[in-house]
Amino acid sequence: MRLLLVIFGLVTFLSAQTVEIVADKFYADEKKQISEFTGHVTVTKGKDKLVADKVVIIFDKKRQPLKYTATGNAKIDMTMNDKVYFGSAQTMIYNPLKDQYILIKNAFLYEKITDKKVYGEKIFVSQKTGRYEVESDGKKPVKFIFKVEEKKKKW
């Protein structure tokens, strides 16, 4: 049976938004200030949606999230500067205070409207600034794929 858990009061740095987490299993440790969700995990915040096999959230003393770590088939649909992105990686880390994602191992980021694709071992994405950086592991290079519209020459 799937467990539906809506956590109210989770806020990002500047604006309060409701975070909804759906998973097969939930575990919390109040002393360690950690929550763990396993099995078909879906985290939704505004227009952003993260899915993974497991998500661990670390909280501060005021019960505000400091870090989300998603592992196992992690995928994200997110909006950044009015552009829609899809990302995937073996592990994703989200820092809500910086509004920043790190995609680790077999990382992929796809900007849907312009059809730009970036591949690498590690991708840093800042939703706040709209910047992203890609690193390789030294074995496989970073790959960037995009379309160029060629203007037809007039004879």
N, C-alpha and C. Protein backbone atom coordinates (compact mmCIF):
# COMPACT_ATOMS: atom_id res chain seq x y z
N MET A 1 0.84 -1.19 0.00
CA MET A 1 0.00 0.00 0.00
C MET A 1 0.88 1.24 0.00
N ARG A 2 0.56 2.18 -0.84
CA ARG A 2 1.36 3.40 -0.95
C ARG A 2 1.02 4.35 0.19
N LEU A 3 2.05 4.99 0.68
CA LEU A 3 1.91 5.93 1.78
C LEU A 3 1.90 7.33 1.20
N LEU A 4 0.90 8.10 1.52
CA LEU A 4 0.82 9.48 1.06
C LEU A 4 1.11 10.37 2.24
N LEU A 5 2.11 11.22 2.08
CA LEU A 5 2.49 12.10 3.17
C LEU A 5 2.62 13.52 2.62
N VAL A 6 1.86 14.41 3.16
CA VAL A 6 1.97 15.81 2.78
C VAL A 6 2.63 16.54 3.95
N ILE A 7 3.74 17.15 3.67
CA ILE A 7 4.47 17.87 4.72
C ILE A 7 4.20 19.35 4.54
N PHE A 8 3.52 19.94 5.50
CA PHE A 8 3.25 21.37 5.46
C PHE A 8 4.36 22.10 6.20
N GLY A 9 4.62 23.30 5.79
CA GLY A 9 5.61 24.10 6.50
C GLY A 9 7.01 23.96 5.95
N LEU A 10 7.24 23.07 4.98
CA LEU A 10 8.54 23.02 4.35
C LEU A 10 8.62 24.26 3.47
N VAL A 11 9.66 25.03 3.63
CA VAL A 11 9.76 26.27 2.86
C VAL A 11 11.10 26.35 2.16
N THR A 12 11.10 27.05 1.07
CA THR A 12 12.35 27.37 0.43
C THR A 12 12.86 28.65 1.05
N PHE A 13 14.03 29.09 0.62
CA PHE A 13 14.70 30.23 1.24
C PHE A 13 13.84 31.48 1.23
N LEU A 14 13.18 31.81 0.12
CA LEU A 14 12.45 33.06 0.05
C LEU A 14 10.94 32.94 0.13
N SER A 15 10.39 31.81 -0.31
CA SER A 15 8.94 31.73 -0.32
C SER A 15 8.47 30.38 0.19
N ALA A 16 7.35 30.41 0.89
CA ALA A 16 6.79 29.18 1.45
C ALA A 16 6.03 28.45 0.35
N GLN A 17 6.30 27.16 0.23
CA GLN A 17 5.57 26.31 -0.69
C GLN A 17 5.33 24.99 -0.01
N THR A 18 4.21 24.38 -0.35
CA THR A 18 3.92 23.07 0.19
C THR A 18 4.69 22.02 -0.60
N VAL A 19 5.27 21.09 0.11
CA VAL A 19 5.97 19.97 -0.50
C VAL A 19 5.12 18.73 -0.24
N GLU A 20 4.85 17.96 -1.30
CA GLU A 20 4.08 16.73 -1.15
C GLU A 20 5.00 15.58 -1.51
N ILE A 21 5.05 14.57 -0.63
CA ILE A 21 5.88 13.40 -0.85
C ILE A 21 5.00 12.16 -0.80
N VAL A 22 5.10 11.36 -1.84
CA VAL A 22 4.37 10.09 -1.91
C VAL A 22 5.42 8.99 -2.00
N ALA A 23 5.27 7.95 -1.17
CA ALA A 23 6.24 6.85 -1.15
C ALA A 23 5.58 5.59 -0.62
N ASP A 24 6.27 4.47 -0.76
CA ASP A 24 5.77 3.21 -0.21
C ASP A 24 6.04 3.11 1.29
N LYS A 25 7.14 3.75 1.73
CA LYS A 25 7.53 3.63 3.13
C LYS A 25 8.12 4.95 3.62
N PHE A 26 7.86 5.26 4.90
CA PHE A 26 8.36 6.50 5.51
C PHE A 26 8.99 6.18 6.86
N TYR A 27 10.15 6.81 7.12
CA TYR A 27 10.85 6.65 8.39
C TYR A 27 11.36 8.03 8.81
N ALA A 28 11.23 8.36 10.10
CA ALA A 28 11.75 9.63 10.60
C ALA A 28 12.48 9.42 11.91
N ASP A 29 13.54 10.19 12.12
CA ASP A 29 14.28 10.17 13.36
C ASP A 29 14.36 11.63 13.84
N GLU A 30 13.56 11.97 14.83
CA GLU A 30 13.48 13.34 15.33
C GLU A 30 14.80 13.82 15.92
N LYS A 31 15.53 12.95 16.61
CA LYS A 31 16.81 13.36 17.20
C LYS A 31 17.83 13.70 16.13
N LYS A 32 17.89 12.88 15.09
CA LYS A 32 18.85 13.11 14.00
C LYS A 32 18.33 14.13 12.99
N GLN A 33 17.07 14.50 13.11
CA GLN A 33 16.42 15.46 12.21
C GLN A 33 16.52 15.01 10.75
N ILE A 34 16.07 13.78 10.53
CA ILE A 34 16.15 13.17 9.21
C ILE A 34 14.85 12.44 8.91
N SER A 35 14.42 12.49 7.66
CA SER A 35 13.27 11.72 7.19
C SER A 35 13.72 10.93 5.97
N GLU A 36 13.25 9.69 5.88
CA GLU A 36 13.65 8.81 4.79
C GLU A 36 12.40 8.22 4.14
N PHE A 37 12.33 8.35 2.82
CA PHE A 37 11.21 7.83 2.04
C PHE A 37 11.76 6.81 1.06
N THR A 38 11.13 5.63 0.98
CA THR A 38 11.62 4.60 0.07
C THR A 38 10.47 4.01 -0.74
N GLY A 39 10.81 3.57 -1.93
CA GLY A 39 9.85 2.90 -2.80
C GLY A 39 8.96 3.85 -3.57
N HIS A 40 9.20 3.97 -4.85
CA HIS A 40 8.35 4.79 -5.74
C HIS A 40 8.13 6.20 -5.17
N VAL A 41 9.19 6.86 -4.80
CA VAL A 41 9.10 8.18 -4.16
C VAL A 41 8.86 9.26 -5.21
N THR A 42 7.88 10.13 -4.93
CA THR A 42 7.60 11.30 -5.75
C THR A 42 7.54 12.50 -4.83
N VAL A 43 8.37 13.50 -5.13
CA VAL A 43 8.39 14.75 -4.36
C VAL A 43 7.93 15.86 -5.30
N THR A 44 6.89 16.59 -4.90
CA THR A 44 6.36 17.67 -5.72
C THR A 44 6.41 18.97 -4.93
N LYS A 45 6.97 20.00 -5.55
CA LYS A 45 7.01 21.35 -4.96
C LYS A 45 6.76 22.34 -6.09
N GLY A 46 5.61 22.96 -6.06
CA GLY A 46 5.27 23.87 -7.15
C GLY A 46 5.20 23.11 -8.46
N LYS A 47 5.93 23.60 -9.48
CA LYS A 47 5.96 22.94 -10.78
C LYS A 47 7.03 21.86 -10.85
N ASP A 48 7.89 21.77 -9.86
CA ASP A 48 8.99 20.80 -9.87
C ASP A 48 8.54 19.45 -9.32
N LYS A 49 9.03 18.39 -9.97
CA LYS A 49 8.67 17.04 -9.54
C LYS A 49 9.91 16.15 -9.61
N LEU A 50 10.22 15.51 -8.50
CA LEU A 50 11.37 14.61 -8.39
C LEU A 50 10.86 13.21 -8.10
N VAL A 51 11.37 12.22 -8.81
CA VAL A 51 11.03 10.82 -8.54
C VAL A 51 12.33 10.04 -8.35
N ALA A 52 12.30 9.06 -7.45
CA ALA A 52 13.48 8.24 -7.17
C ALA A 52 13.06 7.02 -6.37
N ASP A 53 13.99 6.11 -6.21
CA ASP A 53 13.73 4.93 -5.38
C ASP A 53 13.78 5.28 -3.90
N LYS A 54 14.62 6.28 -3.56
CA LYS A 54 14.78 6.67 -2.16
C LYS A 54 15.09 8.16 -2.07
N VAL A 55 14.49 8.85 -1.10
CA VAL A 55 14.78 10.26 -0.84
C VAL A 55 14.99 10.44 0.66
N VAL A 56 16.11 11.05 1.02
CA VAL A 56 16.43 11.35 2.41
C VAL A 56 16.45 12.88 2.55
N ILE A 57 15.75 13.39 3.57
CA ILE A 57 15.71 14.83 3.82
C ILE A 57 16.33 15.10 5.18
N ILE A 58 17.27 16.04 5.21
CA ILE A 58 17.88 16.48 6.47
C ILE A 58 17.29 17.85 6.81
N PHE A 59 16.86 18.00 8.05
CA PHE A 59 16.21 19.23 8.51
C PHE A 59 17.10 19.98 9.50
N ASP A 60 16.84 21.29 9.65
CA ASP A 60 17.49 22.06 10.70
C ASP A 60 16.64 21.98 11.97
N LYS A 61 17.03 22.69 13.01
CA LYS A 61 16.32 22.63 14.29
C LYS A 61 14.92 23.23 14.22
N LYS A 62 14.67 24.07 13.22
CA LYS A 62 13.35 24.68 13.04
C LYS A 62 12.47 23.85 12.11
N ARG A 63 12.93 22.65 11.78
CA ARG A 63 12.22 21.70 10.91
C ARG A 63 12.12 22.18 9.47
N GLN A 64 13.09 22.98 9.06
CA GLN A 64 13.17 23.41 7.67
C GLN A 64 14.18 22.52 6.94
N PRO A 65 13.89 22.10 5.71
CA PRO A 65 14.79 21.20 5.00
C PRO A 65 16.10 21.89 4.60
N LEU A 66 17.19 21.19 4.86
CA LEU A 66 18.51 21.68 4.48
C LEU A 66 19.02 20.99 3.22
N LYS A 67 18.63 19.72 3.05
CA LYS A 67 19.17 18.94 1.94
C LYS A 67 18.26 17.76 1.63
N TYR A 68 18.00 17.57 0.35
CA TYR A 68 17.28 16.40 -0.15
C TYR A 68 18.30 15.57 -0.94
N THR A 69 18.37 14.27 -0.68
CA THR A 69 19.24 13.39 -1.45
C THR A 69 18.37 12.28 -2.04
N ALA A 70 18.31 12.22 -3.36
CA ALA A 70 17.53 11.21 -4.07
C ALA A 70 18.48 10.22 -4.71
N THR A 71 18.21 8.93 -4.51
CA THR A 71 19.07 7.90 -5.08
C THR A 71 18.23 6.84 -5.79
N GLY A 72 18.84 6.23 -6.78
CA GLY A 72 18.17 5.16 -7.51
C GLY A 72 17.18 5.69 -8.53
N ASN A 73 17.57 5.71 -9.78
CA ASN A 73 16.69 6.16 -10.87
C ASN A 73 16.11 7.55 -10.62
N ALA A 74 16.92 8.46 -10.15
CA ALA A 74 16.45 9.81 -9.83
C ALA A 74 16.18 10.58 -11.11
N LYS A 75 15.00 11.20 -11.16
CA LYS A 75 14.58 12.00 -12.31
C LYS A 75 13.91 13.27 -11.80
N ILE A 76 14.10 14.36 -12.53
CA ILE A 76 13.53 15.63 -12.12
C ILE A 76 12.91 16.34 -13.34
N ASP A 77 11.74 16.89 -13.15
CA ASP A 77 11.14 17.84 -14.07
C ASP A 77 11.13 19.16 -13.32
N MET A 78 11.77 20.18 -13.88
CA MET A 78 11.86 21.45 -13.17
C MET A 78 11.78 22.62 -14.13
N THR A 79 11.42 23.76 -13.56
CA THR A 79 11.36 25.00 -14.31
C THR A 79 12.47 25.90 -13.81
N MET A 80 13.19 26.48 -14.76
CA MET A 80 14.28 27.39 -14.42
C MET A 80 14.24 28.54 -15.40
N ASN A 81 14.03 29.75 -14.91
CA ASN A 81 13.95 30.94 -15.77
C ASN A 81 12.97 30.75 -16.92
N ASP A 82 11.78 30.28 -16.59
CA ASP A 82 10.69 30.06 -17.55
C ASP A 82 11.00 29.00 -18.60
N LYS A 83 12.03 28.20 -18.40
CA LYS A 83 12.33 27.08 -19.29
C LYS A 83 12.09 25.79 -18.53
N VAL A 84 11.64 24.77 -19.25
CA VAL A 84 11.31 23.49 -18.63
C VAL A 84 12.43 22.49 -18.92
N TYR A 85 12.92 21.86 -17.85
CA TYR A 85 14.02 20.92 -17.95
C TYR A 85 13.61 19.55 -17.43
N PHE A 86 14.25 18.53 -17.99
CA PHE A 86 14.18 17.18 -17.46
C PHE A 86 15.61 16.77 -17.15
N GLY A 87 15.81 16.15 -16.00
CA GLY A 87 17.14 15.68 -15.64
C GLY A 87 17.07 14.28 -15.07
N SER A 88 18.16 13.55 -15.20
CA SER A 88 18.23 12.23 -14.59
C SER A 88 19.67 11.96 -14.16
N ALA A 89 19.82 11.13 -13.15
CA ALA A 89 21.13 10.75 -12.63
C ALA A 89 20.94 9.61 -11.64
N GLN A 90 22.04 8.99 -11.29
CA GLN A 90 21.96 7.95 -10.28
C GLN A 90 21.65 8.55 -8.90
N THR A 91 22.23 9.73 -8.65
CA THR A 91 21.99 10.45 -7.39
C THR A 91 21.75 11.92 -7.69
N MET A 92 20.79 12.52 -6.99
CA MET A 92 20.55 13.96 -7.08
C MET A 92 20.51 14.54 -5.68
N ILE A 93 21.13 15.68 -5.53
CA ILE A 93 21.12 16.40 -4.26
C ILE A 93 20.49 17.76 -4.52
N TYR A 94 19.53 18.14 -3.67
CA TYR A 94 18.88 19.43 -3.80
C TYR A 94 19.12 20.23 -2.53
N ASN A 95 19.64 21.45 -2.68
CA ASN A 95 19.84 22.37 -1.56
C ASN A 95 18.78 23.45 -1.67
N PRO A 96 17.73 23.40 -0.83
CA PRO A 96 16.64 24.38 -0.95
C PRO A 96 17.06 25.80 -0.57
N LEU A 97 18.07 25.96 0.25
CA LEU A 97 18.51 27.31 0.62
C LEU A 97 19.16 28.03 -0.56
N LYS A 98 19.87 27.28 -1.39
CA LYS A 98 20.52 27.85 -2.57
C LYS A 98 19.71 27.63 -3.84
N ASP A 99 18.62 26.84 -3.75
CA ASP A 99 17.81 26.47 -4.90
C ASP A 99 18.71 25.86 -5.97
N GLN A 100 19.48 24.85 -5.55
CA GLN A 100 20.51 24.27 -6.38
C GLN A 100 20.44 22.75 -6.39
N TYR A 101 20.58 22.16 -7.58
CA TYR A 101 20.61 20.71 -7.75
C TYR A 101 22.02 20.28 -8.15
N ILE A 102 22.40 19.09 -7.72
CA ILE A 102 23.61 18.44 -8.21
C ILE A 102 23.20 17.06 -8.68
N LEU A 103 23.43 16.77 -9.96
CA LEU A 103 23.13 15.48 -10.54
C LEU A 103 24.44 14.71 -10.65
N ILE A 104 24.51 13.51 -10.08
CA ILE A 104 25.76 12.78 -9.97
C ILE A 104 25.64 11.39 -10.60
N LYS A 105 26.59 11.03 -11.38
CA LYS A 105 26.76 9.73 -12.04
C LYS A 105 25.72 9.52 -13.14
N ASN A 106 26.23 9.41 -14.36
CA ASN A 106 25.38 9.29 -15.54
C ASN A 106 24.36 10.42 -15.60
N ALA A 107 24.84 11.63 -15.36
CA ALA A 107 23.97 12.80 -15.29
C ALA A 107 23.55 13.27 -16.69
N PHE A 108 22.30 13.68 -16.79
CA PHE A 108 21.71 14.12 -18.05
C PHE A 108 20.77 15.28 -17.76
N LEU A 109 20.87 16.34 -18.56
CA LEU A 109 19.97 17.49 -18.42
C LEU A 109 19.48 17.87 -19.81
N TYR A 110 18.17 18.03 -19.94
CA TYR A 110 17.53 18.27 -21.23
C TYR A 110 16.61 19.47 -21.11
N GLU A 111 16.86 20.49 -21.93
CA GLU A 111 15.99 21.66 -21.98
C GLU A 111 14.97 21.39 -23.08
N LYS A 112 13.72 21.23 -22.69
CA LYS A 112 12.70 20.69 -23.58
C LYS A 112 12.35 21.58 -24.77
N ILE A 113 12.25 22.88 -24.60
CA ILE A 113 11.81 23.76 -25.67
C ILE A 113 12.87 23.90 -26.77
N THR A 114 14.13 24.10 -26.39
CA THR A 114 15.19 24.30 -27.37
C THR A 114 15.88 22.99 -27.76
N ASP A 115 15.51 21.90 -27.12
CA ASP A 115 16.05 20.57 -27.41
C ASP A 115 17.56 20.49 -27.15
N LYS A 116 18.06 21.23 -26.14
CA LYS A 116 19.47 21.15 -25.75
C LYS A 116 19.65 20.00 -24.78
N LYS A 117 20.72 19.24 -24.96
CA LYS A 117 21.01 18.09 -24.10
C LYS A 117 22.44 18.17 -23.60
N VAL A 118 22.62 17.90 -22.30
CA VAL A 118 23.94 17.91 -21.70
C VAL A 118 24.13 16.60 -20.96
N TYR A 119 25.29 15.98 -21.18
CA TYR A 119 25.63 14.73 -20.52
C TYR A 119 26.95 14.91 -19.79
N GLY A 120 27.07 14.29 -18.62
CA GLY A 120 28.33 14.35 -17.88
C GLY A 120 28.25 13.48 -16.65
N GLU A 121 29.32 13.47 -15.90
CA GLU A 121 29.35 12.69 -14.67
C GLU A 121 28.72 13.47 -13.52
N LYS A 122 28.84 14.80 -13.58
CA LYS A 122 28.26 15.64 -12.54
C LYS A 122 27.76 16.93 -13.18
N ILE A 123 26.51 17.28 -12.87
CA ILE A 123 25.92 18.52 -13.38
C ILE A 123 25.42 19.34 -12.20
N PHE A 124 25.87 20.60 -12.12
CA PHE A 124 25.41 21.54 -11.10
C PHE A 124 24.38 22.46 -11.76
N VAL A 125 23.22 22.62 -11.13
CA VAL A 125 22.15 23.45 -11.68
C VAL A 125 21.69 24.42 -10.61
N SER A 126 21.72 25.71 -10.92
CA SER A 126 21.21 26.74 -10.01
C SER A 126 19.93 27.30 -10.58
N GLN A 127 18.80 27.00 -9.93
CA GLN A 127 17.53 27.56 -10.39
C GLN A 127 17.48 29.06 -10.13
N LYS A 128 18.18 29.50 -9.12
CA LYS A 128 18.17 30.91 -8.76
C LYS A 128 18.83 31.77 -9.84
N THR A 129 19.98 31.32 -10.35
CA THR A 129 20.72 32.10 -11.34
C THR A 129 20.50 31.63 -12.77
N GLY A 130 19.96 30.41 -12.94
CA GLY A 130 19.76 29.87 -14.28
C GLY A 130 21.03 29.33 -14.90
N ARG A 131 22.04 29.08 -14.09
CA ARG A 131 23.32 28.58 -14.59
C ARG A 131 23.47 27.10 -14.32
N TYR A 132 24.21 26.43 -15.20
CA TYR A 132 24.57 25.06 -14.93
C TYR A 132 25.98 24.79 -15.42
N GLU A 133 26.66 23.86 -14.75
CA GLU A 133 28.02 23.46 -15.08
C GLU A 133 28.04 21.94 -15.17
N VAL A 134 28.90 21.44 -16.05
CA VAL A 134 28.98 20.00 -16.27
C VAL A 134 30.44 19.56 -16.15
N GLU A 135 30.65 18.43 -15.44
CA GLU A 135 31.99 17.88 -15.28
C GLU A 135 32.02 16.44 -15.79
N SER A 136 33.19 16.02 -16.27
CA SER A 136 33.37 14.63 -16.66
C SER A 136 34.11 13.90 -15.55
N ASP A 137 34.19 12.58 -15.70
CA ASP A 137 34.93 11.79 -14.71
C ASP A 137 36.34 11.47 -15.21
N GLY A 138 36.73 12.02 -16.35
CA GLY A 138 38.04 11.75 -16.91
C GLY A 138 38.03 10.56 -17.86
N LYS A 139 37.00 9.73 -17.79
CA LYS A 139 36.88 8.57 -18.67
C LYS A 139 36.02 8.90 -19.88
N LYS A 140 34.87 9.53 -19.63
CA LYS A 140 33.97 9.95 -20.69
C LYS A 140 33.93 11.47 -20.69
N PRO A 141 33.98 12.09 -21.88
CA PRO A 141 33.93 13.56 -21.92
C PRO A 141 32.53 14.09 -21.66
N VAL A 142 32.45 15.35 -21.37
CA VAL A 142 31.16 16.05 -21.29
C VAL A 142 30.64 16.15 -22.71
N LYS A 143 29.33 16.02 -22.87
CA LYS A 143 28.74 16.10 -24.20
C LYS A 143 27.60 17.11 -24.17
N PHE A 144 27.58 18.01 -25.16
CA PHE A 144 26.55 19.03 -25.30
C PHE A 144 25.99 18.92 -26.71
N ILE A 145 24.67 18.72 -26.83
CA ILE A 145 24.03 18.55 -28.12
C ILE A 145 22.94 19.61 -28.27
N PHE A 146 22.99 20.33 -29.41
CA PHE A 146 21.97 21.33 -29.67
C PHE A 146 21.78 21.46 -31.18
N LYS A 147 20.65 22.03 -31.58
CA LYS A 147 20.34 22.21 -33.00
C LYS A 147 20.68 23.62 -33.43
N VAL A 148 21.15 23.72 -34.66
CA VAL A 148 21.46 25.02 -35.25
C VAL A 148 20.62 25.14 -36.51
N GLU A 149 19.88 26.22 -36.60
CA GLU A 149 19.09 26.46 -37.80
C GLU A 149 19.96 27.19 -38.80
N GLU A 150 20.10 26.57 -39.94
CA GLU A 150 20.92 27.16 -41.00
C GLU A 150 20.05 28.05 -41.87
N LYS A 151 20.55 29.22 -42.17
CA LYS A 151 19.83 30.11 -43.06
C LYS A 151 20.11 29.69 -44.50
N LYS A 152 19.07 29.66 -45.29
CA LYS A 152 19.22 29.29 -46.69
C LYS A 152 19.86 30.45 -47.46
N LYS A 153 20.82 30.07 -48.27
CA LYS A 153 21.50 31.08 -49.08
C LYS A 153 20.63 31.45 -50.28
N LYS A 154 20.59 32.73 -50.57
CA LYS A 154 19.86 33.20 -51.74
C LYS A 154 20.85 33.26 -52.91
N TRP A 155 20.47 32.74 -54.03
CA TRP A 155 21.34 32.73 -55.22
C TRP A 155 21.08 33.91 -56.05
